[in-house]
Amino acid sequence: MPIIVNLDVMMAKRKMSSQELAERVGITTANLSILKTGKAKAVRFSTLEKICEELECQPGDILEFRRE
């Protein structure tokens, strides 16, 4: 898939666990895991906004487009 999710990288930079981020964003750790592994078919802008707010980053810091 040409969309790469770099959520692990930002979480590591902010020293935040999956459990902590999921709680702060208001999603399950299972759904966060699906997003982190790139298996999600969609993400709500409201969820993306909360993730960026908690990680103090921009959407482009966690989502990347690469041509195949």
PDB file of N, CA and C in Angstrom:
ATOM      1  N   MET A   1       0.848  -1.185   0.000  1.00  0.00           N
ATOM      2  CA  MET A   1       0.000   0.000   0.000  1.00  0.00           C
ATOM      3  C   MET A   1       0.891   1.245   0.000  1.00  0.00           C
ATOM      4  N   PRO A   2       0.574   2.218  -0.815  1.00  0.00           N
ATOM      5  CA  PRO A   2       1.424   3.404  -0.915  1.00  0.00           C
ATOM      6  C   PRO A   2       1.315   4.370   0.269  1.00  0.00           C
ATOM      7  N   ILE A   3       0.368   4.172   1.182  1.00  0.00           N
ATOM      8  CA  ILE A   3       0.290   5.020   2.376  1.00  0.00           C
ATOM      9  C   ILE A   3       1.027   4.310   3.505  1.00  0.00           C
ATOM     10  N   ILE A   4       2.052   4.935   4.019  1.00  0.00           N
ATOM     11  CA  ILE A   4       2.868   4.388   5.098  1.00  0.00           C
ATOM     12  C   ILE A   4       2.491   5.103   6.392  1.00  0.00           C
ATOM     13  N   VAL A   5       2.257   4.331   7.445  1.00  0.00           N
ATOM     14  CA  VAL A   5       1.897   4.892   8.749  1.00  0.00           C
ATOM     15  C   VAL A   5       3.136   4.852   9.636  1.00  0.00           C
ATOM     16  N   ASN A   6       3.603   6.017  10.033  1.00  0.00           N
ATOM     17  CA  ASN A   6       4.784   6.148  10.888  1.00  0.00           C
ATOM     18  C   ASN A   6       4.403   6.481  12.329  1.00  0.00           C
ATOM     19  N   LEU A   7       3.295   5.950  12.769  1.00  0.00           N
ATOM     20  CA  LEU A   7       2.805   6.246  14.110  1.00  0.00           C
ATOM     21  C   LEU A   7       3.763   5.745  15.184  1.00  0.00           C
ATOM     22  N   ASP A   8       4.360   4.581  14.976  1.00  0.00           N
ATOM     23  CA  ASP A   8       5.330   4.037  15.938  1.00  0.00           C
ATOM     24  C   ASP A   8       6.500   4.990  16.153  1.00  0.00           C
ATOM     25  N   VAL A   9       6.940   5.607  15.065  1.00  0.00           N
ATOM     26  CA  VAL A   9       8.082   6.526  15.144  1.00  0.00           C
ATOM     27  C   VAL A   9       7.748   7.714  16.035  1.00  0.00           C
ATOM     28  N   MET A  10       6.571   8.318  15.801  1.00  0.00           N
ATOM     29  CA  MET A  10       6.177   9.480  16.608  1.00  0.00           C
ATOM     30  C   MET A  10       5.928   9.093  18.054  1.00  0.00           C
ATOM     31  N   MET A  11       5.351   7.932  18.277  1.00  0.00           N
ATOM     32  CA  MET A  11       5.112   7.477  19.648  1.00  0.00           C
ATOM     33  C   MET A  11       6.437   7.265  20.379  1.00  0.00           C
ATOM     34  N   ALA A  12       7.423   6.717  19.688  1.00  0.00           N
ATOM     35  CA  ALA A  12       8.740   6.508  20.292  1.00  0.00           C
ATOM     36  C   ALA A  12       9.406   7.842  20.618  1.00  0.00           C
ATOM     37  N   LYS A  13       9.285   8.808  19.691  1.00  0.00           N
ATOM     38  CA  LYS A  13       9.872  10.130  19.926  1.00  0.00           C
ATOM     39  C   LYS A  13       9.261  10.807  21.140  1.00  0.00           C
ATOM     40  N   ARG A  14       7.962  10.559  21.356  1.00  0.00           N
ATOM     41  CA  ARG A  14       7.251  11.178  22.484  1.00  0.00           C
ATOM     42  C   ARG A  14       7.237  10.285  23.724  1.00  0.00           C
ATOM     43  N   LYS A  15       7.887   9.106  23.598  1.00  0.00           N
ATOM     44  CA  LYS A  15       7.955   8.140  24.697  1.00  0.00           C
ATOM     45  C   LYS A  15       6.560   7.823  25.246  1.00  0.00           C
ATOM     46  N   MET A  16       5.640   7.513  24.325  1.00  0.00           N
ATOM     47  CA  MET A  16       4.264   7.223  24.692  1.00  0.00           C
ATOM     48  C   MET A  16       3.915   5.791  24.274  1.00  0.00           C
ATOM     49  N   SER A  17       3.303   5.062  25.186  1.00  0.00           N
ATOM     50  CA  SER A  17       2.908   3.682  24.896  1.00  0.00           C
ATOM     51  C   SER A  17       1.596   3.649  24.121  1.00  0.00           C
ATOM     52  N   SER A  18       1.334   2.506  23.513  1.00  0.00           N
ATOM     53  CA  SER A  18       0.076   2.323  22.788  1.00  0.00           C
ATOM     54  C   SER A  18      -1.106   2.461  23.730  1.00  0.00           C
ATOM     55  N   GLN A  19      -0.978   1.880  24.906  1.00  0.00           N
ATOM     56  CA  GLN A  19      -2.053   1.948  25.901  1.00  0.00           C
ATOM     57  C   GLN A  19      -2.356   3.401  26.268  1.00  0.00           C
ATOM     58  N   GLU A  20      -1.322   4.176  26.534  1.00  0.00           N
ATOM     59  CA  GLU A  20      -1.505   5.574  26.928  1.00  0.00           C
ATOM     60  C   GLU A  20      -2.132   6.396  25.802  1.00  0.00           C
ATOM     61  N   LEU A  21      -1.626   6.236  24.576  1.00  0.00           N
ATOM     62  CA  LEU A  21      -2.169   6.997  23.455  1.00  0.00           C
ATOM     63  C   LEU A  21      -3.620   6.615  23.196  1.00  0.00           C
ATOM     64  N   ALA A  22      -3.917   5.324  23.220  1.00  0.00           N
ATOM     65  CA  ALA A  22      -5.290   4.867  22.988  1.00  0.00           C
ATOM     66  C   ALA A  22      -6.246   5.475  24.012  1.00  0.00           C
ATOM     67  N   GLU A  23      -5.848   5.482  25.268  1.00  0.00           N
ATOM     68  CA  GLU A  23      -6.685   6.063  26.320  1.00  0.00           C
ATOM     69  C   GLU A  23      -6.898   7.554  26.099  1.00  0.00           C
ATOM     70  N   ARG A  24      -5.831   8.258  25.774  1.00  0.00           N
ATOM     71  CA  ARG A  24      -5.931   9.707  25.573  1.00  0.00           C
ATOM     72  C   ARG A  24      -6.792  10.069  24.362  1.00  0.00           C
ATOM     73  N   VAL A  25      -6.715   9.239  23.308  1.00  0.00           N
ATOM     74  CA  VAL A  25      -7.449   9.512  22.075  1.00  0.00           C
ATOM     75  C   VAL A  25      -8.896   9.035  22.179  1.00  0.00           C
ATOM     76  N   GLY A  26      -9.119   8.014  23.002  1.00  0.00           N
ATOM     77  CA  GLY A  26     -10.465   7.485  23.160  1.00  0.00           C
ATOM     78  C   GLY A  26     -10.783   6.361  22.189  1.00  0.00           C
ATOM     79  N   ILE A  27      -9.763   5.568  21.838  1.00  0.00           N
ATOM     80  CA  ILE A  27      -9.972   4.399  20.985  1.00  0.00           C
ATOM     81  C   ILE A  27      -9.391   3.183  21.708  1.00  0.00           C
ATOM     82  N   THR A  28      -9.727   2.002  21.218  1.00  0.00           N
ATOM     83  CA  THR A  28      -9.193   0.793  21.835  1.00  0.00           C
ATOM     84  C   THR A  28      -7.751   0.575  21.389  1.00  0.00           C
ATOM     85  N   THR A  29      -7.011  -0.176  22.190  1.00  0.00           N
ATOM     86  CA  THR A  29      -5.636  -0.490  21.793  1.00  0.00           C
ATOM     87  C   THR A  29      -5.640  -1.366  20.535  1.00  0.00           C
ATOM     88  N   ALA A  30      -6.689  -2.175  20.367  1.00  0.00           N
ATOM     89  CA  ALA A  30      -6.800  -3.006  19.157  1.00  0.00           C
ATOM     90  C   ALA A  30      -6.940  -2.129  17.914  1.00  0.00           C
ATOM     91  N   ASN A  31      -7.780  -1.097  17.982  1.00  0.00           N
ATOM     92  CA  ASN A  31      -7.948  -0.192  16.845  1.00  0.00           C
ATOM     93  C   ASN A  31      -6.675   0.607  16.589  1.00  0.00           C
ATOM     94  N   LEU A  32      -5.983   0.994  17.639  1.00  0.00           N
ATOM     95  CA  LEU A  32      -4.717   1.706  17.467  1.00  0.00           C
ATOM     96  C   LEU A  32      -3.699   0.797  16.792  1.00  0.00           C
ATOM     97  N   SER A  33      -3.680  -0.469  17.179  1.00  0.00           N
ATOM     98  CA  SER A  33      -2.768  -1.430  16.577  1.00  0.00           C
ATOM     99  C   SER A  33      -3.051  -1.607  15.086  1.00  0.00           C
ATOM    100  N   ILE A  34      -4.332  -1.661  14.724  1.00  0.00           N
ATOM    101  CA  ILE A  34      -4.715  -1.772  13.313  1.00  0.00           C
ATOM    102  C   ILE A  34      -4.212  -0.559  12.536  1.00  0.00           C
ATOM    103  N   LEU A  35      -4.328   0.600  13.135  1.00  0.00           N
ATOM    104  CA  LEU A  35      -3.850   1.825  12.487  1.00  0.00           C
ATOM    105  C   LEU A  35      -2.322   1.811  12.374  1.00  0.00           C
ATOM    106  N   LYS A  36      -1.635   1.437  13.447  1.00  0.00           N
ATOM    107  CA  LYS A  36      -0.170   1.420  13.456  1.00  0.00           C
ATOM    108  C   LYS A  36       0.416   0.479  12.419  1.00  0.00           C
ATOM    109  N   THR A  37      -0.246  -0.646  12.189  1.00  0.00           N
ATOM    110  CA  THR A  37       0.283  -1.638  11.249  1.00  0.00           C
ATOM    111  C   THR A  37      -0.095  -1.350   9.808  1.00  0.00           C
ATOM    112  N   GLY A  38      -0.884  -0.296   9.590  1.00  0.00           N
ATOM    113  CA  GLY A  38      -1.269   0.068   8.237  1.00  0.00           C
ATOM    114  C   GLY A  38      -2.400  -0.775   7.681  1.00  0.00           C
ATOM    115  N   LYS A  39      -3.083  -1.516   8.535  1.00  0.00           N
ATOM    116  CA  LYS A  39      -4.171  -2.392   8.088  1.00  0.00           C
ATOM    117  C   LYS A  39      -5.523  -1.690   8.074  1.00  0.00           C
ATOM    118  N   ALA A  40      -5.580  -0.473   8.600  1.00  0.00           N
ATOM    119  CA  ALA A  40      -6.836   0.281   8.617  1.00  0.00           C
ATOM    120  C   ALA A  40      -7.193   0.708   7.204  1.00  0.00           C
ATOM    121  N   LYS A  41      -8.450   0.597   6.866  1.00  0.00           N
ATOM    122  CA  LYS A  41      -8.910   1.020   5.547  1.00  0.00           C
ATOM    123  C   LYS A  41      -9.271   2.502   5.544  1.00  0.00           C
ATOM    124  N   ALA A  42      -9.488   3.055   6.727  1.00  0.00           N
ATOM    125  CA  ALA A  42      -9.853   4.469   6.846  1.00  0.00           C
ATOM    126  C   ALA A  42      -9.529   4.947   8.257  1.00  0.00           C
ATOM    127  N   VAL A  43      -9.433   6.251   8.390  1.00  0.00           N
ATOM    128  CA  VAL A  43      -9.273   6.860   9.715  1.00  0.00           C
ATOM    129  C   VAL A  43     -10.107   8.137   9.725  1.00  0.00           C
ATOM    130  N   ARG A  44     -10.841   8.331  10.775  1.00  0.00           N
ATOM    131  CA  ARG A  44     -11.656   9.540  10.884  1.00  0.00           C
ATOM    132  C   ARG A  44     -10.749  10.736  11.142  1.00  0.00           C
ATOM    133  N   PHE A  45     -11.113  11.855  10.550  1.00  0.00           N
ATOM    134  CA  PHE A  45     -10.338  13.073  10.786  1.00  0.00           C
ATOM    135  C   PHE A  45     -10.339  13.436  12.261  1.00  0.00           C
ATOM    136  N   SER A  46     -11.427  13.180  12.960  1.00  0.00           N
ATOM    137  CA  SER A  46     -11.488  13.500  14.391  1.00  0.00           C
ATOM    138  C   SER A  46     -10.476  12.655  15.167  1.00  0.00           C
ATOM    139  N   THR A  47     -10.301  11.393  14.782  1.00  0.00           N
ATOM    140  CA  THR A  47      -9.311  10.526  15.435  1.00  0.00           C
ATOM    141  C   THR A  47      -7.907  10.991  15.090  1.00  0.00           C
ATOM    142  N   LEU A  48      -7.681  11.312  13.830  1.00  0.00           N
ATOM    143  CA  LEU A  48      -6.371  11.813  13.397  1.00  0.00           C
ATOM    144  C   LEU A  48      -6.032  13.106  14.132  1.00  0.00           C
ATOM    145  N   GLU A  49      -7.021  13.963  14.287  1.00  0.00           N
ATOM    146  CA  GLU A  49      -6.818  15.228  15.004  1.00  0.00           C
ATOM    147  C   GLU A  49      -6.399  14.977  16.452  1.00  0.00           C
ATOM    148  N   LYS A  50      -7.071  14.044  17.123  1.00  0.00           N
ATOM    149  CA  LYS A  50      -6.743  13.742  18.522  1.00  0.00           C
ATOM    150  C   LYS A  50      -5.354  13.132  18.645  1.00  0.00           C
ATOM    151  N   ILE A  51      -5.001  12.253  17.710  1.00  0.00           N
ATOM    152  CA  ILE A  51      -3.671  11.649  17.731  1.00  0.00           C
ATOM    153  C   ILE A  51      -2.603  12.730  17.574  1.00  0.00           C
ATOM    154  N   CYS A  52      -2.807  13.617  16.609  1.00  0.00           N
ATOM    155  CA  CYS A  52      -1.842  14.706  16.385  1.00  0.00           C
ATOM    156  C   CYS A  52      -1.767  15.635  17.594  1.00  0.00           C
ATOM    157  N   GLU A  53      -2.898  15.875  18.209  1.00  0.00           N
ATOM    158  CA  GLU A  53      -2.934  16.736  19.393  1.00  0.00           C
ATOM    159  C   GLU A  53      -2.129  16.103  20.529  1.00  0.00           C
ATOM    160  N   GLU A  54      -2.332  14.819  20.768  1.00  0.00           N
ATOM    161  CA  GLU A  54      -1.644  14.136  21.865  1.00  0.00           C
ATOM    162  C   GLU A  54      -0.154  13.960  21.598  1.00  0.00           C
ATOM    163  N   LEU A  55       0.209  13.723  20.333  1.00  0.00           N
ATOM    164  CA  LEU A  55       1.621  13.534  19.989  1.00  0.00           C
ATOM    165  C   LEU A  55       2.319  14.841  19.609  1.00  0.00           C
ATOM    166  N   GLU A  56       1.540  15.936  19.602  1.00  0.00           N
ATOM    167  CA  GLU A  56       2.078  17.252  19.234  1.00  0.00           C
ATOM    168  C   GLU A  56       2.814  17.168  17.893  1.00  0.00           C
ATOM    169  N   CYS A  57       2.075  16.723  16.869  1.00  0.00           N
ATOM    170  CA  CYS A  57       2.665  16.577  15.548  1.00  0.00           C
ATOM    171  C   CYS A  57       1.654  16.955  14.475  1.00  0.00           C
ATOM    172  N   GLN A  58       2.090  16.904  13.238  1.00  0.00           N
ATOM    173  CA  GLN A  58       1.245  17.171  12.087  1.00  0.00           C
ATOM    174  C   GLN A  58       0.852  15.830  11.454  1.00  0.00           C
ATOM    175  N   PRO A  59      -0.270  15.774  10.717  1.00  0.00           N
ATOM    176  CA  PRO A  59      -0.655  14.527  10.053  1.00  0.00           C
ATOM    177  C   PRO A  59       0.462  13.964   9.164  1.00  0.00           C
ATOM    178  N   GLY A  60       1.209  14.831   8.517  1.00  0.00           N
ATOM    179  CA  GLY A  60       2.310  14.397   7.664  1.00  0.00           C
ATOM    180  C   GLY A  60       3.458  13.756   8.426  1.00  0.00           C
ATOM    181  N   ASP A  61       3.493  13.954   9.737  1.00  0.00           N
ATOM    182  CA  ASP A  61       4.524  13.304  10.555  1.00  0.00           C
ATOM    183  C   ASP A  61       4.222  11.820  10.756  1.00  0.00           C
ATOM    184  N   ILE A  62       2.947  11.444  10.634  1.00  0.00           N
ATOM    185  CA  ILE A  62       2.589  10.047  10.863  1.00  0.00           C
ATOM    186  C   ILE A  62       2.071   9.333   9.613  1.00  0.00           C
ATOM    187  N   LEU A  63       1.692  10.082   8.590  1.00  0.00           N
ATOM    188  CA  LEU A  63       1.226   9.482   7.345  1.00  0.00           C
ATOM    189  C   LEU A  63       2.122   9.920   6.196  1.00  0.00           C
ATOM    190  N   GLU A  64       2.486   8.970   5.354  1.00  0.00           N
ATOM    191  CA  GLU A  64       3.412   9.242   4.260  1.00  0.00           C
ATOM    192  C   GLU A  64       2.929   8.510   3.000  1.00  0.00           C
ATOM    193  N   PHE A  65       3.077   9.136   1.849  1.00  0.00           N
ATOM    194  CA  PHE A  65       2.725   8.516   0.576  1.00  0.00           C
ATOM    195  C   PHE A  65       3.994   8.124  -0.166  1.00  0.00           C
ATOM    196  N   ARG A  66       4.053   6.851  -0.577  1.00  0.00           N
ATOM    197  CA  ARG A  66       5.187   6.378  -1.375  1.00  0.00           C
ATOM    198  C   ARG A  66       4.639   5.656  -2.603  1.00  0.00           C
ATOM    199  N   ARG A  67       5.149   6.031  -3.739  1.00  0.00           N
ATOM    200  CA  ARG A  67       4.742   5.345  -4.979  1.00  0.00           C
ATOM    201  C   ARG A  67       5.304   3.923  -4.946  1.00  0.00           C
ATOM    202  N   GLU A  68       4.520   3.003  -5.452  1.00  0.00           N
ATOM    203  CA  GLU A  68       4.976   1.613  -5.489  1.00  0.00           C
ATOM    204  C   GLU A  68       5.787   1.330  -6.730  1.00  0.00           C
TER     205      GLU A  68
END
